[in-house]
Amino acid sequence: MDVSAGGVEGLIFKQAIRGDLGKLSLDGQMLSVLMSFDGKKTLGRVAQELGLEMATIKPIVARLIKYKLVERIETAVNAVDQEFIAFLISQLSVAIGPLGGIVVEDGLEDLGYAKTNLPTNRTAELVNLLSQEIQREDKRIQFKQVMLKKIKEKGY
């Protein structure tokens, strides 16, 4: 598996059990990453919790895979559709201006996702995170209300 490519923030890994672990030498950072994989957290979440950039964690995960210390969890996560993302960007742009799209991408990255793999159960968390970027309280409230209505309409 190539973790050096983009869009891997949403991948989930778990620790693999090996009998010959004593023969391997892991540095502190590799050990921290290994211990953080619980089969539930995304790679983006692990990076965020450890304070690591994706550029730093990707080669570490590649080595852990090479040493067969971690396995990817195949998940059937329901991701939001692109119409929802487009609507989110348009609504945030109304509230803060033309940088709405960039702020949405930054918010997704902060949560460890991309536009294509945000799970439906994380939409409210993203909306709340993005609303913090809206300075005017009236616009923030309106943004939250419109997005909550859209989330309910979509069944997320």
Protein backbone atom coordinates (compact mmCIF):
# COMPACT_ATOMS: atom_id res chain seq x y z
CA MET A 1 0.00 0.00 0.00
CA ASP A 2 1.32 3.41 -0.99
CA VAL A 3 0.71 5.92 1.78
CA SER A 4 2.85 8.58 0.12
CA ALA A 5 -0.06 9.53 -2.14
CA GLY A 6 -2.59 12.18 -1.23
CA GLY A 7 -5.99 11.48 0.29
CA VAL A 8 -4.74 8.96 2.86
CA GLU A 9 -5.81 11.02 5.86
CA GLY A 10 -9.03 9.03 6.18
CA LEU A 11 -7.37 5.61 6.23
CA ILE A 12 -7.64 3.58 9.42
CA PHE A 13 -4.95 1.22 10.70
CA LYS A 14 -4.65 -1.27 13.53
CA GLN A 15 -1.65 -2.85 15.15
CA ALA A 16 -0.64 -6.23 13.78
CA ILE A 17 0.58 -8.96 16.10
CA ARG A 18 4.06 -10.26 15.34
CA GLY A 19 6.02 -12.86 17.21
CA ASP A 20 9.44 -11.51 16.23
CA LEU A 21 8.93 -7.94 17.41
CA GLY A 22 12.09 -8.08 19.53
CA LYS A 23 14.21 -8.19 16.38
CA LEU A 24 13.03 -4.77 15.23
CA SER A 25 14.33 -1.42 16.37
CA LEU A 26 11.80 1.41 16.52
CA ASP A 27 12.55 5.02 17.36
CA GLY A 28 10.30 6.93 19.75
CA GLN A 29 8.28 8.59 17.00
CA MET A 30 7.59 5.28 15.22
CA LEU A 31 6.58 3.71 18.52
CA SER A 32 4.22 6.61 19.29
CA VAL A 33 2.55 6.27 15.89
CA LEU A 34 2.29 2.50 16.25
CA MET A 35 0.72 2.76 19.71
CA SER A 36 -1.80 5.33 18.43
CA PHE A 37 -3.34 2.98 15.88
CA ASP A 38 -6.39 1.40 17.48
CA GLY A 39 -8.42 0.36 14.46
CA LYS A 40 -10.79 3.32 14.93
CA LYS A 41 -8.85 6.55 14.44
CA THR A 42 -8.02 7.85 10.99
CA LEU A 43 -4.45 8.54 9.98
CA GLY A 44 -5.30 12.25 9.98
CA ARG A 45 -6.61 12.03 13.55
CA VAL A 46 -3.48 10.17 14.72
CA ALA A 47 -1.27 12.81 13.09
CA GLN A 48 -3.28 15.57 14.75
CA GLU A 49 -3.16 13.93 18.19
CA LEU A 50 0.60 13.43 17.94
CA GLY A 51 1.19 16.92 16.54
CA LEU A 52 2.72 15.57 13.34
CA GLU A 53 2.34 16.87 9.80
CA MET A 54 1.08 14.42 7.19
CA ALA A 55 4.44 14.75 5.41
CA THR A 56 6.13 13.47 8.58
CA ILE A 57 3.74 10.64 9.45
CA LYS A 58 3.42 9.13 5.94
CA PRO A 59 6.98 7.70 5.79
CA ILE A 60 6.62 6.40 9.35
CA VAL A 61 3.43 4.55 8.42
CA ALA A 62 5.09 3.24 5.25
CA ARG A 63 7.86 1.70 7.40
CA LEU A 64 5.34 0.25 9.86
CA ILE A 65 3.52 -1.37 6.93
CA LYS A 66 6.82 -2.65 5.51
CA TYR A 67 7.67 -4.21 8.89
CA LYS A 68 4.12 -5.64 8.99
CA LEU A 69 3.42 -3.92 12.31
CA VAL A 70 0.18 -2.30 11.13
CA GLU A 71 -2.68 -3.36 8.90
CA ARG A 72 -5.18 -1.20 7.10
CA ILE A 73 -8.78 -1.54 8.22
CA GLU A 74 -11.16 -1.69 5.29
CA THR A 75 -14.12 0.44 6.21
CA ALA A 76 -17.39 1.05 4.50
CA VAL A 77 -17.78 4.61 5.68
CA ASN A 78 -20.65 6.57 4.22
CA ALA A 79 -19.04 9.73 2.89
CA VAL A 80 -20.87 12.96 2.22
CA ASP A 81 -21.68 13.64 -1.40
CA GLN A 82 -20.02 16.41 -3.38
CA GLU A 83 -23.27 18.37 -3.58
CA PHE A 84 -23.14 18.76 0.21
CA ILE A 85 -19.51 19.94 0.07
CA ALA A 86 -20.37 22.46 -2.67
CA PHE A 87 -23.31 23.72 -0.61
CA LEU A 88 -21.11 24.01 2.48
CA ILE A 89 -18.51 26.02 0.56
CA SER A 90 -21.16 28.32 -0.91
CA GLN A 91 -22.74 28.97 2.50
CA LEU A 92 -19.40 29.64 4.18
CA SER A 93 -18.44 31.95 1.31
CA VAL A 94 -21.64 33.93 1.91
CA ALA A 95 -20.61 34.33 5.55
CA ILE A 96 -16.88 35.06 5.21
CA GLY A 97 -16.24 35.86 1.56
CA PRO A 98 -14.33 34.23 -1.30
CA LEU A 99 -11.96 32.29 0.96
CA GLY A 100 -14.78 29.95 2.00
CA GLY A 101 -13.47 27.08 -0.13
CA ILE A 102 -9.98 27.30 1.33
CA VAL A 103 -11.35 27.46 4.88
CA VAL A 104 -13.47 24.35 4.22
CA GLU A 105 -10.41 22.47 2.92
CA ASP A 106 -8.43 23.56 6.00
CA GLY A 107 -11.27 22.43 8.29
CA LEU A 108 -11.44 19.06 6.57
CA GLU A 109 -7.68 18.68 6.92
CA ASP A 110 -7.90 19.58 10.62
CA LEU A 111 -10.34 16.69 11.04
CA GLY A 112 -8.13 14.38 8.99
CA TYR A 113 -10.29 14.18 5.86
CA ALA A 114 -10.54 15.40 2.29
CA LYS A 115 -13.56 16.60 0.30
CA THR A 116 -14.12 13.06 -0.95
CA ASN A 117 -14.03 11.07 2.28
CA LEU A 118 -15.72 13.03 5.07
CA PRO A 119 -17.95 10.55 6.93
CA THR A 120 -21.56 11.63 7.24
CA ASN A 121 -21.39 11.34 11.03
CA ARG A 122 -18.72 14.08 11.18
CA THR A 123 -20.66 16.79 9.28
CA ALA A 124 -21.94 18.59 12.39
CA GLU A 125 -18.44 18.65 13.84
CA LEU A 126 -17.10 20.21 10.62
CA VAL A 127 -19.89 22.82 10.56
CA ASN A 128 -19.15 23.73 14.18
CA LEU A 129 -15.42 24.01 13.45
CA LEU A 130 -16.02 26.18 10.39
CA SER A 131 -18.50 28.42 12.18
CA GLN A 132 -15.69 29.53 14.50
CA GLU A 133 -14.15 31.31 11.50
CA ILE A 134 -17.20 33.58 11.11
CA GLN A 135 -16.63 36.83 12.99
CA ARG A 136 -20.16 38.25 12.99
CA GLU A 137 -22.43 36.41 15.39
CA ASP A 138 -25.55 36.89 13.27
CA LYS A 139 -23.85 35.36 10.24
CA ARG A 140 -22.44 32.52 12.37
CA ILE A 141 -25.92 31.67 13.68
CA GLN A 142 -27.45 31.85 10.21
CA PHE A 143 -24.68 29.61 8.80
CA LYS A 144 -25.24 27.01 11.51
CA GLN A 145 -29.00 27.03 11.02
CA VAL A 146 -28.80 26.65 7.24
CA MET A 147 -26.23 23.86 7.53
CA LEU A 148 -28.19 22.04 10.24
CA LYS A 149 -31.23 22.10 7.98
CA LYS A 150 -29.13 20.69 5.11
CA ILE A 151 -27.68 17.97 7.34
CA LYS A 152 -31.18 16.92 8.37
CA GLU A 153 -32.40 17.08 4.77
CA LYS A 154 -29.55 14.80 3.67
CA GLY A 155 -30.14 12.42 6.57
CA TYR A 156 -26.60 12.78 7.88
